[in-house]
């Protein structure tokens, strides 16, 4: 039997990248999945490709009214929720008017825009998930934090702070649910250097992109970028009964970066 047969799941930021990969994995493993994103057309297209167990709706994770409407759809369609993946996130570097994000120059508007998605969105998602999962007598909340949430990122102050907040809120939600007697688990995945469209905003094009990719990969002990499908495998584990005794934990998918080595170890020569 597929790992998520009979389960219902909601994924934010599902139109592309890691969110889309998680959606594909969940549908393949038997779940009914609601794909949500601020890019409504993107999730509609993905749902059409994934088939009848995939559903789509537009959701701005920083807007309480959007969460309320999505929760109403879940209640009416499924009667509750088994899995939430809080994946939606922004760096603040994209868009028509990107601004500096270092601690000296970041503007309050830029800071707030990042936190509205990355921090407020996760808080609202967890809040609604608890309400919906209580109807199911349990569930699994999976929050996407980042390596940036455990180390300083001088050029991305808002992003790093928001991902640290996601990590700690994960622990808070896990403890709250356990102490309340809810069988609701909450865990975080911390990817680093996973090649997604979010990275493309920073890598550039042509030869410059190739050099940027090589520079990043030189600092990863495993010597390569991660793949969205590898993050999806971790999310599938946390969504399934295989992780039934895990809550408040963080899974690092970083190719060995946080282990301490600056680059791949040299092999001894014969």
Protein backbone atom coordinates (compact mmCIF):
# COMPACT_ATOMS: atom_id res chain seq x y z
CA UNK A 1 0.00 0.00 0.00
CA UNK A 2 1.22 3.54 -0.77
CA UNK A 3 2.48 5.41 2.28
CA UNK A 4 -0.22 8.12 2.27
CA UNK A 5 -3.26 6.20 1.06
CA UNK A 6 -6.38 7.70 2.62
CA UNK A 7 -4.55 10.82 3.84
CA UNK A 8 -5.36 14.43 3.03
CA UNK A 9 -2.69 17.09 2.67
CA UNK A 10 -2.38 20.82 2.02
CA UNK A 11 0.86 22.19 0.58
CA UNK A 12 1.67 25.90 0.34
CA UNK A 13 3.96 27.33 -2.32
CA UNK A 14 3.18 24.33 -4.48
CA UNK A 15 3.38 25.91 -7.94
CA UNK A 16 7.08 25.23 -8.43
CA UNK A 17 10.32 24.05 -6.86
CA UNK A 18 10.25 22.14 -3.59
CA UNK A 19 6.49 22.56 -3.13
CA UNK A 20 5.74 21.05 -6.53
CA UNK A 21 8.10 18.16 -5.88
CA UNK A 22 6.39 17.43 -2.55
CA UNK A 23 3.00 17.57 -4.25
CA UNK A 24 4.10 15.03 -6.84
CA UNK A 25 5.47 12.70 -4.16
CA UNK A 26 2.34 12.90 -2.01
CA UNK A 27 -0.03 12.23 -4.92
CA UNK A 28 2.15 9.33 -6.05
CA UNK A 29 1.89 7.86 -2.54
CA UNK A 30 -1.90 7.95 -2.50
CA UNK A 31 -2.82 11.23 -0.78
CA UNK A 32 -5.56 13.66 -1.68
CA UNK A 33 -3.63 16.93 -1.99
CA UNK A 34 -4.70 20.57 -2.04
CA UNK A 35 -2.04 22.53 -3.93
CA UNK A 36 -1.97 26.18 -2.92
CA UNK A 37 0.09 29.13 -4.07
CA UNK A 38 -0.22 32.85 -4.72
CA UNK A 39 0.31 31.74 -8.35
CA UNK A 40 -3.14 30.29 -8.91
CA UNK A 41 -2.51 29.46 -12.55
CA UNK A 42 0.63 27.56 -11.61
CA UNK A 43 -1.09 25.25 -9.15
CA UNK A 44 -4.04 24.77 -11.50
CA UNK A 45 -1.64 23.56 -14.19
CA UNK A 46 0.18 21.24 -11.79
CA UNK A 47 -3.09 19.81 -10.44
CA UNK A 48 -4.27 19.09 -13.97
CA UNK A 49 -1.05 17.21 -14.65
CA UNK A 50 -1.13 15.21 -11.38
CA UNK A 51 -4.69 13.96 -11.82
CA UNK A 52 -7.91 13.59 -9.88
CA UNK A 53 -6.36 13.41 -6.40
CA UNK A 54 -4.76 16.86 -6.86
CA UNK A 55 -6.81 20.00 -6.25
CA UNK A 56 -5.77 23.65 -6.52
CA UNK A 57 -6.64 27.05 -5.12
CA UNK A 58 -4.99 30.43 -4.82
CA UNK A 59 -3.64 31.15 -1.34
CA UNK A 60 -1.61 34.09 -0.06
CA UNK A 61 -0.20 32.60 3.13
CA UNK A 62 0.17 35.99 4.80
CA UNK A 63 -3.55 36.73 4.52
CA UNK A 64 -5.81 35.32 7.27
CA UNK A 65 -8.88 35.47 5.01
CA UNK A 66 -7.20 33.21 2.46
CA UNK A 67 -6.42 30.64 5.15
CA UNK A 68 -9.98 30.77 6.43
CA UNK A 69 -11.33 30.11 2.92
CA UNK A 70 -8.89 27.25 2.35
CA UNK A 71 -9.80 25.70 5.70
CA UNK A 72 -13.49 25.92 4.83
CA UNK A 73 -12.79 24.08 1.56
CA UNK A 74 -10.87 21.37 3.44
CA UNK A 75 -13.65 20.91 5.99
CA UNK A 76 -16.37 20.71 3.36
CA UNK A 77 -14.39 18.47 1.01
CA UNK A 78 -12.53 16.18 3.39
CA UNK A 79 -13.88 16.78 6.90
CA UNK A 80 -10.39 17.50 8.24
CA UNK A 81 -6.70 17.47 7.42
CA UNK A 82 -3.93 14.91 7.99
CA UNK A 83 -0.83 16.73 6.70
CA UNK A 84 0.16 20.37 6.27
CA UNK A 85 3.36 21.40 4.50
CA UNK A 86 4.20 25.04 5.19
CA UNK A 87 6.53 25.46 2.22
CA UNK A 88 5.76 28.94 0.85
CA UNK A 89 8.63 31.36 1.32
CA UNK A 90 10.45 34.29 -0.27
CA UNK A 91 13.97 35.68 -0.01
CA UNK A 92 12.97 39.26 -0.77
CA UNK A 93 15.38 39.44 -3.70
CA UNK A 94 12.89 38.84 -6.49
CA UNK A 95 10.26 41.17 -7.90
CA UNK A 96 10.42 44.44 -9.74
CA UNK A 97 12.12 46.50 -7.04
CA UNK A 98 14.50 44.37 -5.02
CA UNK A 99 16.23 46.13 -2.14
CA UNK A 100 19.31 45.54 -0.04
CA UNK A 101 18.74 43.06 2.78
CA UNK A 102 21.85 43.44 4.93
CA UNK A 103 21.35 44.57 8.55
CA UNK A 104 22.54 48.11 7.82
CA UNK A 105 20.43 48.86 4.75
CA UNK A 106 17.34 46.64 4.85
CA UNK A 107 14.15 48.70 4.89
CA UNK A 108 11.31 48.04 7.27
CA UNK A 109 8.97 47.46 4.33
CA UNK A 110 11.32 44.85 2.85
CA UNK A 111 11.74 43.19 6.26
CA UNK A 112 7.99 43.05 6.82
CA UNK A 113 7.29 41.69 3.33
CA UNK A 114 9.59 38.70 3.96
CA UNK A 115 8.21 38.04 7.43
CA UNK A 116 4.60 38.28 6.29
CA UNK A 117 5.15 35.29 4.03
CA UNK A 118 7.80 33.30 5.88
CA UNK A 119 6.80 33.88 9.51
CA UNK A 120 3.17 35.00 9.54
CA UNK A 121 2.33 32.41 6.88
CA UNK A 122 3.74 29.57 8.95
CA UNK A 123 2.02 30.77 12.13
CA UNK A 124 -1.34 30.97 10.37
CA UNK A 125 -0.83 27.61 8.70
CA UNK A 126 -0.01 25.90 11.98
CA UNK A 127 -2.98 27.54 13.68
CA UNK A 128 -5.45 26.33 11.06
CA UNK A 129 -3.81 22.91 10.83
CA UNK A 130 -4.29 22.31 14.54
CA UNK A 131 -8.01 23.09 14.20
CA UNK A 132 -8.41 20.86 11.16
CA UNK A 133 -6.30 17.99 12.47
CA UNK A 134 -8.16 17.80 15.76
CA UNK A 135 -11.13 16.61 13.71
CA UNK A 136 -8.92 13.76 12.47
CA UNK A 137 -7.59 12.98 15.99
CA UNK A 138 -4.05 13.66 14.81
CA UNK A 139 -1.81 14.77 11.99
CA UNK A 140 1.59 15.95 10.84
CA UNK A 141 2.69 19.55 10.32
CA UNK A 142 5.87 20.00 8.27
CA UNK A 143 7.50 23.42 8.22
CA UNK A 144 10.19 24.39 5.73
CA UNK A 145 12.93 26.26 7.56
CA UNK A 146 16.44 26.56 6.12
CA UNK A 147 20.14 26.37 6.87
CA UNK A 148 19.77 30.15 6.92
CA UNK A 149 17.73 29.73 10.09
CA UNK A 150 20.70 28.41 12.08
CA UNK A 151 23.57 30.55 10.71
CA UNK A 152 23.93 34.25 10.00
CA UNK A 153 23.40 35.43 6.41
CA UNK A 154 24.87 38.97 6.12
CA UNK A 155 23.14 39.79 2.83
CA UNK A 156 19.74 38.31 3.78
CA UNK A 157 18.90 39.52 7.26
CA UNK A 158 15.12 39.28 6.93
CA UNK A 159 15.21 35.83 5.35
CA UNK A 160 17.61 34.40 7.94
CA UNK A 161 15.59 35.81 10.84
CA UNK A 162 12.35 34.48 9.39
CA UNK A 163 13.72 30.97 8.95
CA UNK A 164 15.05 30.97 12.52
CA UNK A 165 11.55 31.93 13.64
CA UNK A 166 10.09 29.02 11.64
CA UNK A 167 12.45 26.58 13.37
CA UNK A 168 11.60 27.77 16.86
CA UNK A 169 7.87 27.99 16.16
CA UNK A 170 8.02 24.38 15.01
CA UNK A 171 9.29 23.40 18.45
CA UNK A 172 6.65 25.54 20.16
CA UNK A 173 3.82 23.99 18.15
CA UNK A 174 5.17 20.48 18.79
CA UNK A 175 5.25 21.03 22.55
CA UNK A 176 1.86 22.73 22.62
CA UNK A 177 0.19 19.88 20.77
CA UNK A 178 1.87 17.24 22.95
CA UNK A 179 0.94 19.03 26.17
CA UNK A 180 -2.63 19.52 24.94
CA UNK A 181 -3.02 15.80 24.31
CA UNK A 182 -3.36 16.25 20.55
CA UNK A 183 -1.75 13.55 18.45
CA UNK A 184 -0.37 16.22 16.13
CA UNK A 185 3.32 16.17 15.29
CA UNK A 186 5.24 19.22 14.06
CA UNK A 187 8.71 18.96 12.50
CA UNK A 188 10.94 21.13 10.34
CA UNK A 189 13.02 20.45 7.25
CA UNK A 190 16.10 22.66 6.78
CA UNK A 191 17.29 22.54 3.17
CA UNK A 192 20.44 24.27 1.98
CA UNK A 193 21.61 24.85 -1.58
CA UNK A 194 18.71 23.04 -3.24
CA UNK A 195 18.55 24.14 -6.87
CA UNK A 196 15.11 25.72 -7.24
CA UNK A 197 13.72 28.80 -9.02
CA UNK A 198 14.41 30.78 -5.82
CA UNK A 199 18.13 30.19 -6.36
CA UNK A 200 17.87 31.16 -10.03
CA UNK A 201 17.09 34.75 -8.96
CA UNK A 202 20.55 34.90 -7.40
CA UNK A 203 22.67 32.87 -9.82
CA UNK A 204 22.37 34.98 -12.95
CA UNK A 205 22.62 33.69 -16.52
CA UNK A 206 25.12 32.24 -18.99
CA UNK A 207 28.78 31.97 -18.01
CA UNK A 208 28.16 33.99 -14.85
CA UNK A 209 25.58 31.43 -13.74
CA UNK A 210 27.99 28.55 -14.40
CA UNK A 211 30.67 30.24 -12.30
CA UNK A 212 28.20 30.97 -9.51
CA UNK A 213 27.02 27.35 -9.45
CA UNK A 214 30.61 26.10 -9.34
CA UNK A 215 31.43 28.49 -6.49
CA UNK A 216 28.46 27.29 -4.42
CA UNK A 217 29.15 23.62 -5.09
CA UNK A 218 32.80 24.05 -4.10
CA UNK A 219 31.63 24.88 -0.58
CA UNK A 220 29.36 21.83 -0.24
CA UNK A 221 31.10 18.72 1.13
CA UNK A 222 29.03 16.47 -1.16
CA UNK A 223 30.07 18.65 -4.08
CA UNK A 224 26.65 19.38 -5.63
CA UNK A 225 23.37 21.20 -5.23
CA UNK A 226 20.50 19.27 -3.71
CA UNK A 227 17.40 18.37 -5.73
CA UNK A 228 13.79 19.25 -4.87
CA UNK A 229 12.95 15.54 -5.04
CA UNK A 230 15.33 14.89 -2.16
CA UNK A 231 13.45 17.37 0.01
CA UNK A 232 10.20 15.72 -1.07
CA UNK A 233 11.50 12.37 0.19
CA UNK A 234 12.10 13.92 3.63
CA UNK A 235 8.62 15.46 3.64
CA UNK A 236 7.12 12.11 2.72
CA UNK A 237 8.90 10.50 5.66
CA UNK A 238 7.60 13.14 8.08
CA UNK A 239 4.07 12.87 6.67
CA UNK A 240 3.97 9.09 7.03
CA UNK A 241 3.71 6.74 10.01
CA UNK A 242 7.43 6.00 9.62
CA UNK A 243 8.11 9.15 11.69
CA UNK A 244 5.39 8.53 14.29
CA UNK A 245 7.73 9.14 17.28
CA UNK A 246 9.22 12.37 15.91
CA UNK A 247 8.02 15.82 16.89
CA UNK A 248 9.78 19.13 17.43
CA UNK A 249 12.77 17.93 15.42
CA UNK A 250 14.70 19.40 12.51
CA UNK A 251 15.98 17.47 9.50
CA UNK A 252 18.98 19.04 7.78
CA UNK A 253 19.34 18.47 4.03
CA UNK A 254 22.52 20.36 3.26
CA UNK A 255 25.06 18.05 1.66
CA UNK A 256 27.17 18.18 4.83
CA UNK A 257 27.54 21.97 5.08
CA UNK A 258 26.69 22.22 8.78
CA UNK A 259 28.99 19.31 9.65
CA UNK A 260 31.80 21.83 9.67
CA UNK A 261 33.89 21.08 6.59
CA UNK A 262 34.24 24.01 4.19
CA UNK A 263 34.53 21.75 1.17
CA UNK A 264 34.76 18.14 0.09
CA UNK A 265 37.56 16.28 1.89
CA UNK A 266 40.59 15.41 -0.21
CA UNK A 267 41.19 11.74 -0.87
CA UNK A 268 44.54 10.31 0.10
CA UNK A 269 46.67 9.59 -2.95
CA UNK A 270 48.05 6.11 -3.53
